[in-house]
N, C-alpha and C. Protein backbone atom coordinates (compact mmCIF):
# COMPACT_ATOMS: atom_id res chain seq x y z
N UNK A 1 45.08 114.67 106.69
CA UNK A 1 44.46 115.75 107.38
C UNK A 1 44.72 117.00 106.60
N UNK A 2 43.85 118.04 106.81
CA UNK A 2 43.92 119.21 105.96
C UNK A 2 44.77 120.34 106.51
N UNK A 3 45.40 120.19 107.62
CA UNK A 3 46.17 121.28 108.15
C UNK A 3 47.42 121.52 107.31
N UNK A 4 47.79 122.80 107.18
CA UNK A 4 49.00 123.17 106.48
C UNK A 4 50.13 123.18 107.49
N UNK A 5 51.12 122.34 107.29
CA UNK A 5 52.19 122.19 108.25
C UNK A 5 53.52 122.37 107.55
N UNK A 6 54.21 123.47 107.89
CA UNK A 6 55.55 123.69 107.35
C UNK A 6 56.47 122.60 107.88
N UNK A 7 57.31 122.05 107.04
CA UNK A 7 58.28 121.06 107.47
C UNK A 7 57.73 119.64 107.54
N UNK A 8 56.45 119.46 107.27
CA UNK A 8 55.87 118.12 107.29
C UNK A 8 56.34 117.34 106.06
N UNK A 9 56.29 116.02 106.12
CA UNK A 9 56.72 115.22 104.96
C UNK A 9 55.96 115.64 103.70
N UNK A 10 56.64 115.60 102.58
CA UNK A 10 56.07 116.02 101.30
C UNK A 10 55.52 114.81 100.54
N UNK A 11 54.55 115.08 99.69
CA UNK A 11 54.00 114.07 98.78
C UNK A 11 53.44 112.84 99.49
N UNK A 12 52.84 113.03 100.64
CA UNK A 12 52.32 111.87 101.36
C UNK A 12 51.18 111.20 100.60
N UNK A 13 50.39 111.98 99.89
CA UNK A 13 49.29 111.39 99.13
C UNK A 13 49.81 110.53 97.99
N UNK A 14 50.82 111.03 97.28
CA UNK A 14 51.41 110.24 96.18
C UNK A 14 52.04 108.96 96.70
N UNK A 15 52.74 109.08 97.82
CA UNK A 15 53.36 107.88 98.41
C UNK A 15 52.29 106.90 98.87
N UNK A 16 51.22 107.42 99.45
CA UNK A 16 50.12 106.55 99.88
C UNK A 16 49.48 105.85 98.69
N UNK A 17 49.35 106.55 97.59
CA UNK A 17 48.80 105.96 96.37
C UNK A 17 49.71 104.84 95.87
N UNK A 18 51.01 105.06 95.88
CA UNK A 18 51.95 104.01 95.46
C UNK A 18 51.82 102.77 96.33
N UNK A 19 51.70 102.98 97.64
CA UNK A 19 51.55 101.85 98.56
C UNK A 19 50.24 101.12 98.28
N UNK A 20 49.16 101.87 98.10
CA UNK A 20 47.86 101.26 97.82
C UNK A 20 47.90 100.51 96.50
N UNK A 21 48.51 101.10 95.50
CA UNK A 21 48.60 100.47 94.17
C UNK A 21 49.31 99.11 94.28
N UNK A 22 50.44 99.09 94.97
CA UNK A 22 51.19 97.84 95.13
C UNK A 22 50.36 96.80 95.88
N UNK A 23 49.75 97.20 96.98
CA UNK A 23 48.95 96.28 97.79
C UNK A 23 47.76 95.74 96.99
N UNK A 24 47.06 96.63 96.30
CA UNK A 24 45.86 96.22 95.57
C UNK A 24 46.19 95.32 94.37
N UNK A 25 47.32 95.56 93.74
CA UNK A 25 47.75 94.66 92.65
C UNK A 25 48.04 93.27 93.19
N UNK A 26 48.65 93.21 94.36
CA UNK A 26 48.90 91.90 94.98
C UNK A 26 47.60 91.17 95.29
N UNK A 27 46.53 91.92 95.52
CA UNK A 27 45.21 91.35 95.81
C UNK A 27 44.37 91.18 94.54
N UNK A 28 45.00 91.38 93.38
CA UNK A 28 44.37 91.18 92.07
C UNK A 28 43.21 92.13 91.77
N UNK A 29 43.30 93.35 92.28
CA UNK A 29 42.31 94.37 91.90
C UNK A 29 42.57 94.77 90.46
N UNK A 30 41.50 95.11 89.73
CA UNK A 30 41.71 95.56 88.35
C UNK A 30 42.22 97.00 88.37
N UNK A 31 42.91 97.36 87.30
CA UNK A 31 43.60 98.65 87.22
C UNK A 31 42.63 99.84 87.31
N UNK A 32 41.46 99.72 86.73
CA UNK A 32 40.51 100.82 86.79
C UNK A 32 40.09 101.10 88.23
N UNK A 33 39.84 100.05 88.97
CA UNK A 33 39.46 100.21 90.37
C UNK A 33 40.61 100.78 91.20
N UNK A 34 41.83 100.35 90.92
CA UNK A 34 43.00 100.89 91.60
C UNK A 34 43.14 102.37 91.32
N UNK A 35 42.95 102.78 90.08
CA UNK A 35 43.06 104.20 89.73
C UNK A 35 41.98 105.02 90.42
N UNK A 36 40.77 104.48 90.52
CA UNK A 36 39.71 105.19 91.24
C UNK A 36 40.09 105.41 92.71
N UNK A 37 40.66 104.39 93.32
CA UNK A 37 41.10 104.49 94.71
C UNK A 37 42.21 105.52 94.84
N UNK A 38 43.18 105.47 93.93
CA UNK A 38 44.27 106.45 93.97
C UNK A 38 43.76 107.87 93.77
N UNK A 39 42.78 108.04 92.90
CA UNK A 39 42.21 109.38 92.70
C UNK A 39 41.58 109.90 93.98
N UNK A 40 40.95 109.03 94.74
CA UNK A 40 40.36 109.45 96.01
C UNK A 40 41.45 109.81 97.02
N UNK A 41 42.51 109.04 97.06
CA UNK A 41 43.63 109.36 97.95
C UNK A 41 44.21 110.72 97.56
N UNK A 42 44.43 110.94 96.27
CA UNK A 42 45.01 112.20 95.79
C UNK A 42 44.06 113.38 96.03
N UNK A 43 42.77 113.12 96.12
CA UNK A 43 41.80 114.19 96.37
C UNK A 43 41.94 114.79 97.77
N UNK A 44 42.68 114.12 98.66
CA UNK A 44 42.89 114.66 100.00
C UNK A 44 44.07 115.62 100.06
N UNK A 45 44.74 115.81 98.94
CA UNK A 45 45.90 116.70 98.90
C UNK A 45 45.47 118.15 99.15
N UNK A 46 46.29 118.85 99.91
CA UNK A 46 46.03 120.25 100.24
C UNK A 46 45.74 121.06 98.98
N UNK A 47 44.66 121.81 99.00
CA UNK A 47 44.33 122.70 97.90
C UNK A 47 43.54 122.06 96.76
N UNK A 48 43.34 120.76 96.81
CA UNK A 48 42.62 120.08 95.73
C UNK A 48 41.14 120.45 95.79
N UNK A 49 40.57 120.75 94.63
CA UNK A 49 39.13 121.01 94.53
C UNK A 49 38.45 119.77 93.97
N UNK A 50 37.52 119.18 94.71
CA UNK A 50 36.88 117.95 94.26
C UNK A 50 36.08 118.16 92.97
N UNK A 51 36.06 117.09 92.16
CA UNK A 51 35.34 117.14 90.88
C UNK A 51 34.20 116.12 90.82
N UNK A 52 33.98 115.41 91.92
CA UNK A 52 32.90 114.42 91.97
C UNK A 52 32.37 114.33 93.39
N UNK A 53 31.21 113.73 93.53
CA UNK A 53 30.64 113.54 94.86
C UNK A 53 31.56 112.68 95.73
N UNK A 54 32.15 111.64 95.15
CA UNK A 54 33.07 110.79 95.92
C UNK A 54 34.25 111.59 96.46
N UNK A 55 34.78 112.48 95.65
CA UNK A 55 35.90 113.31 96.10
C UNK A 55 35.44 114.31 97.16
N UNK A 56 34.23 114.84 97.04
CA UNK A 56 33.70 115.74 98.08
C UNK A 56 33.57 115.00 99.40
N UNK A 57 33.08 113.77 99.33
CA UNK A 57 32.90 112.97 100.55
C UNK A 57 34.25 112.70 101.21
N UNK A 58 35.25 112.32 100.44
CA UNK A 58 36.56 112.01 101.03
C UNK A 58 37.22 113.27 101.58
N UNK A 59 37.04 114.41 100.90
CA UNK A 59 37.57 115.68 101.41
C UNK A 59 36.91 116.02 102.75
N UNK A 60 35.60 115.87 102.82
CA UNK A 60 34.90 116.16 104.07
C UNK A 60 35.32 115.20 105.18
N UNK A 61 35.46 113.93 104.86
CA UNK A 61 35.90 112.97 105.87
C UNK A 61 37.29 113.32 106.37
N UNK A 62 38.17 113.73 105.46
CA UNK A 62 39.54 114.09 105.82
C UNK A 62 39.58 115.31 106.75
N UNK A 63 38.63 116.21 106.60
CA UNK A 63 38.60 117.41 107.44
C UNK A 63 37.56 117.37 108.54
N UNK A 64 36.94 116.22 108.76
CA UNK A 64 35.85 116.14 109.73
C UNK A 64 36.28 116.52 111.15
N UNK A 65 37.55 116.30 111.47
CA UNK A 65 38.03 116.61 112.82
C UNK A 65 37.91 118.10 113.14
N UNK A 66 37.87 118.95 112.11
CA UNK A 66 37.74 120.39 112.34
C UNK A 66 36.38 120.74 112.93
N UNK A 67 35.40 119.89 112.68
CA UNK A 67 34.05 120.12 113.17
C UNK A 67 33.68 119.26 114.36
N UNK A 68 34.68 118.84 115.11
CA UNK A 68 34.42 118.01 116.30
C UNK A 68 34.69 118.83 117.56
N UNK A 69 33.95 118.55 118.61
CA UNK A 69 34.15 119.26 119.87
C UNK A 69 35.54 119.01 120.46
N UNK A 70 36.17 117.92 120.10
CA UNK A 70 37.50 117.57 120.61
C UNK A 70 38.63 118.24 119.82
N UNK A 71 38.30 119.09 118.87
CA UNK A 71 39.32 119.63 117.96
C UNK A 71 40.46 120.32 118.70
N UNK A 72 40.17 121.18 119.67
CA UNK A 72 41.24 121.94 120.31
C UNK A 72 42.24 121.01 121.01
N UNK A 73 41.75 119.97 121.65
CA UNK A 73 42.64 119.02 122.30
C UNK A 73 43.42 118.21 121.26
N UNK A 74 42.73 117.81 120.20
CA UNK A 74 43.36 117.00 119.15
C UNK A 74 44.47 117.78 118.46
N UNK A 75 44.21 119.04 118.14
CA UNK A 75 45.23 119.81 117.43
C UNK A 75 46.45 120.09 118.30
N UNK A 76 46.23 120.23 119.60
CA UNK A 76 47.37 120.42 120.51
C UNK A 76 48.22 119.15 120.57
N UNK A 77 47.56 118.00 120.60
CA UNK A 77 48.32 116.74 120.59
C UNK A 77 49.10 116.60 119.28
N UNK A 78 48.51 117.03 118.17
CA UNK A 78 49.21 116.98 116.89
C UNK A 78 50.44 117.90 116.91
N UNK A 79 50.30 119.10 117.46
CA UNK A 79 51.44 120.02 117.56
C UNK A 79 52.57 119.37 118.35
N UNK A 80 52.23 118.77 119.46
CA UNK A 80 53.24 118.12 120.30
C UNK A 80 53.88 116.94 119.57
N UNK A 81 53.08 116.13 118.90
CA UNK A 81 53.61 114.98 118.15
C UNK A 81 54.57 115.44 117.06
N UNK A 82 54.19 116.44 116.29
CA UNK A 82 55.05 116.92 115.21
C UNK A 82 56.34 117.50 115.76
N UNK A 83 56.28 118.13 116.91
CA UNK A 83 57.48 118.66 117.54
C UNK A 83 58.40 117.52 117.99
N UNK A 84 57.82 116.50 118.62
CA UNK A 84 58.62 115.35 119.07
C UNK A 84 59.27 114.61 117.90
N UNK A 85 58.58 114.60 116.76
CA UNK A 85 59.14 113.96 115.56
C UNK A 85 60.16 114.83 114.85
N UNK A 86 60.32 116.06 115.32
CA UNK A 86 61.27 116.97 114.71
C UNK A 86 60.79 117.57 113.40
N UNK A 87 59.49 117.52 113.14
CA UNK A 87 58.96 118.03 111.88
C UNK A 87 58.63 119.52 111.94
N UNK A 88 58.16 119.98 113.09
CA UNK A 88 57.87 121.39 113.31
C UNK A 88 58.17 121.73 114.75
N UNK A 89 58.29 123.00 115.02
CA UNK A 89 58.47 123.41 116.41
C UNK A 89 57.76 124.75 116.61
N UNK A 90 56.44 124.73 116.45
CA UNK A 90 55.63 125.93 116.65
C UNK A 90 55.36 126.13 118.14
N UNK A 91 55.39 127.37 118.56
CA UNK A 91 54.91 127.69 119.89
C UNK A 91 53.39 127.51 119.88
N UNK A 92 52.78 127.41 121.05
CA UNK A 92 51.31 127.32 121.06
C UNK A 92 50.65 128.49 120.32
N UNK A 93 51.19 129.69 120.45
CA UNK A 93 50.62 130.86 119.77
C UNK A 93 50.78 130.75 118.25
N UNK A 94 51.94 130.32 117.79
CA UNK A 94 52.16 130.15 116.35
C UNK A 94 51.23 129.07 115.78
N UNK A 95 51.07 128.00 116.52
CA UNK A 95 50.20 126.90 116.09
C UNK A 95 48.75 127.36 116.02
N UNK A 96 48.32 128.10 117.05
CA UNK A 96 46.96 128.64 117.06
C UNK A 96 46.73 129.53 115.84
N UNK A 97 47.70 130.43 115.55
CA UNK A 97 47.55 131.33 114.41
C UNK A 97 47.55 130.57 113.08
N UNK A 98 48.33 129.51 112.99
CA UNK A 98 48.33 128.66 111.79
C UNK A 98 46.97 128.00 111.62
N UNK A 99 46.40 127.54 112.72
CA UNK A 99 45.07 126.93 112.68
C UNK A 99 44.00 127.94 112.27
N UNK A 100 44.08 129.14 112.79
CA UNK A 100 43.11 130.18 112.43
C UNK A 100 43.17 130.45 110.93
N UNK A 101 44.38 130.63 110.39
CA UNK A 101 44.52 130.87 108.95
C UNK A 101 43.96 129.71 108.13
N UNK A 102 44.24 128.49 108.58
CA UNK A 102 43.74 127.31 107.87
C UNK A 102 42.21 127.29 107.89
N UNK A 103 41.62 127.53 109.03
CA UNK A 103 40.16 127.56 109.14
C UNK A 103 39.56 128.62 108.22
N UNK A 104 40.18 129.79 108.18
CA UNK A 104 39.62 130.91 107.44
C UNK A 104 39.87 130.86 105.94
N UNK A 105 40.98 130.27 105.51
CA UNK A 105 41.34 130.38 104.10
C UNK A 105 41.59 129.06 103.37
N UNK A 106 41.82 127.98 104.07
CA UNK A 106 42.25 126.75 103.41
C UNK A 106 41.22 125.62 103.45
N UNK A 107 40.20 125.76 104.27
CA UNK A 107 39.29 124.62 104.42
C UNK A 107 37.84 125.04 104.23
N UNK A 108 37.08 124.15 103.61
CA UNK A 108 35.63 124.26 103.56
C UNK A 108 35.06 122.86 103.46
N UNK A 109 33.83 122.70 103.94
CA UNK A 109 33.11 121.46 103.76
C UNK A 109 32.35 121.55 102.44
N UNK A 110 32.13 120.40 101.80
CA UNK A 110 31.50 120.35 100.48
C UNK A 110 30.11 119.74 100.48
N UNK A 111 29.91 118.67 101.23
CA UNK A 111 28.64 117.95 101.15
C UNK A 111 27.61 118.56 102.11
N UNK A 112 26.36 118.36 101.77
CA UNK A 112 25.28 118.84 102.65
C UNK A 112 25.41 118.20 104.04
N UNK A 113 25.78 116.93 104.08
CA UNK A 113 25.93 116.23 105.36
C UNK A 113 26.96 116.93 106.24
N UNK A 114 28.12 117.21 105.68
CA UNK A 114 29.19 117.84 106.47
C UNK A 114 28.79 119.24 106.92
N UNK A 115 28.19 119.98 106.02
CA UNK A 115 27.76 121.33 106.37
C UNK A 115 26.73 121.28 107.50
N UNK A 116 25.78 120.38 107.39
CA UNK A 116 24.73 120.26 108.40
C UNK A 116 25.27 119.78 109.74
N UNK A 117 26.20 118.81 109.71
CA UNK A 117 26.63 118.14 110.95
C UNK A 117 27.91 118.68 111.56
N UNK A 118 28.77 119.34 110.78
CA UNK A 118 30.07 119.75 111.31
C UNK A 118 30.38 121.24 111.22
N UNK A 119 29.70 121.96 110.33
CA UNK A 119 30.05 123.37 110.10
C UNK A 119 29.87 124.22 111.36
N UNK A 120 28.78 124.04 112.06
CA UNK A 120 28.53 124.86 113.25
C UNK A 120 29.62 124.67 114.31
N UNK A 121 30.01 123.42 114.54
CA UNK A 121 31.07 123.15 115.52
C UNK A 121 32.41 123.66 115.01
N UNK A 122 32.65 123.57 113.70
CA UNK A 122 33.87 124.14 113.13
C UNK A 122 33.90 125.65 113.39
N UNK A 123 32.77 126.32 113.15
CA UNK A 123 32.70 127.77 113.40
C UNK A 123 32.95 128.08 114.88
N UNK A 124 32.41 127.25 115.77
CA UNK A 124 32.65 127.42 117.21
C UNK A 124 34.13 127.24 117.53
N UNK A 125 34.77 126.24 116.91
CA UNK A 125 36.19 126.01 117.15
C UNK A 125 37.03 127.20 116.69
N UNK A 126 36.68 127.76 115.54
CA UNK A 126 37.38 128.95 115.06
C UNK A 126 37.19 130.11 116.04
N UNK A 127 35.97 130.30 116.51
CA UNK A 127 35.71 131.38 117.47
C UNK A 127 36.54 131.20 118.74
N UNK A 128 36.68 129.97 119.20
CA UNK A 128 37.50 129.69 120.40
C UNK A 128 38.97 130.01 120.14
N UNK A 129 39.45 129.67 118.95
CA UNK A 129 40.84 129.99 118.61
C UNK A 129 41.07 131.50 118.59
N UNK A 130 40.15 132.21 118.00
CA UNK A 130 40.27 133.68 117.91
C UNK A 130 40.19 134.29 119.30
N UNK A 131 39.28 133.80 120.13
CA UNK A 131 39.16 134.29 121.50
C UNK A 131 40.45 134.04 122.28
N UNK A 132 41.06 132.89 122.10
CA UNK A 132 42.31 132.57 122.78
C UNK A 132 43.43 133.50 122.33
N UNK A 133 43.41 133.89 121.06
CA UNK A 133 44.43 134.81 120.54
C UNK A 133 44.30 136.19 121.19
N UNK A 134 43.08 136.59 121.49
CA UNK A 134 42.85 137.92 122.07
C UNK A 134 43.29 138.00 123.52
N UNK A 135 43.40 136.84 124.19
CA UNK A 135 43.79 136.84 125.61
C UNK A 135 45.25 137.17 125.79
């Protein structure tokens, strides 16, 4: 997921790539195909700028939840889960402000599909977050 979370586990994409590499080698995948898969996993890393259509698609899929009507409920459940795991302990206001910053400065959709299907709802979700901050 594309949210910036202080205190969250580090290098999850690299660790995921290692796990995928081991699994795929056991299944006799060729090395070129494994590297392509790892590159897609690494493309989901925060701040990465995609260099191919495949990477744009995976980036958009990774951030698709931002453009869903259920986003506000989903992000609150994530805040609670991270708190229960001892990874973060943001107040609802701190979490909301972190989400606003992420929406405004850290995330964008890349593909025409994502822009057409998710951008408007993402913009609505940002507006709801900002409205909640003003209350």
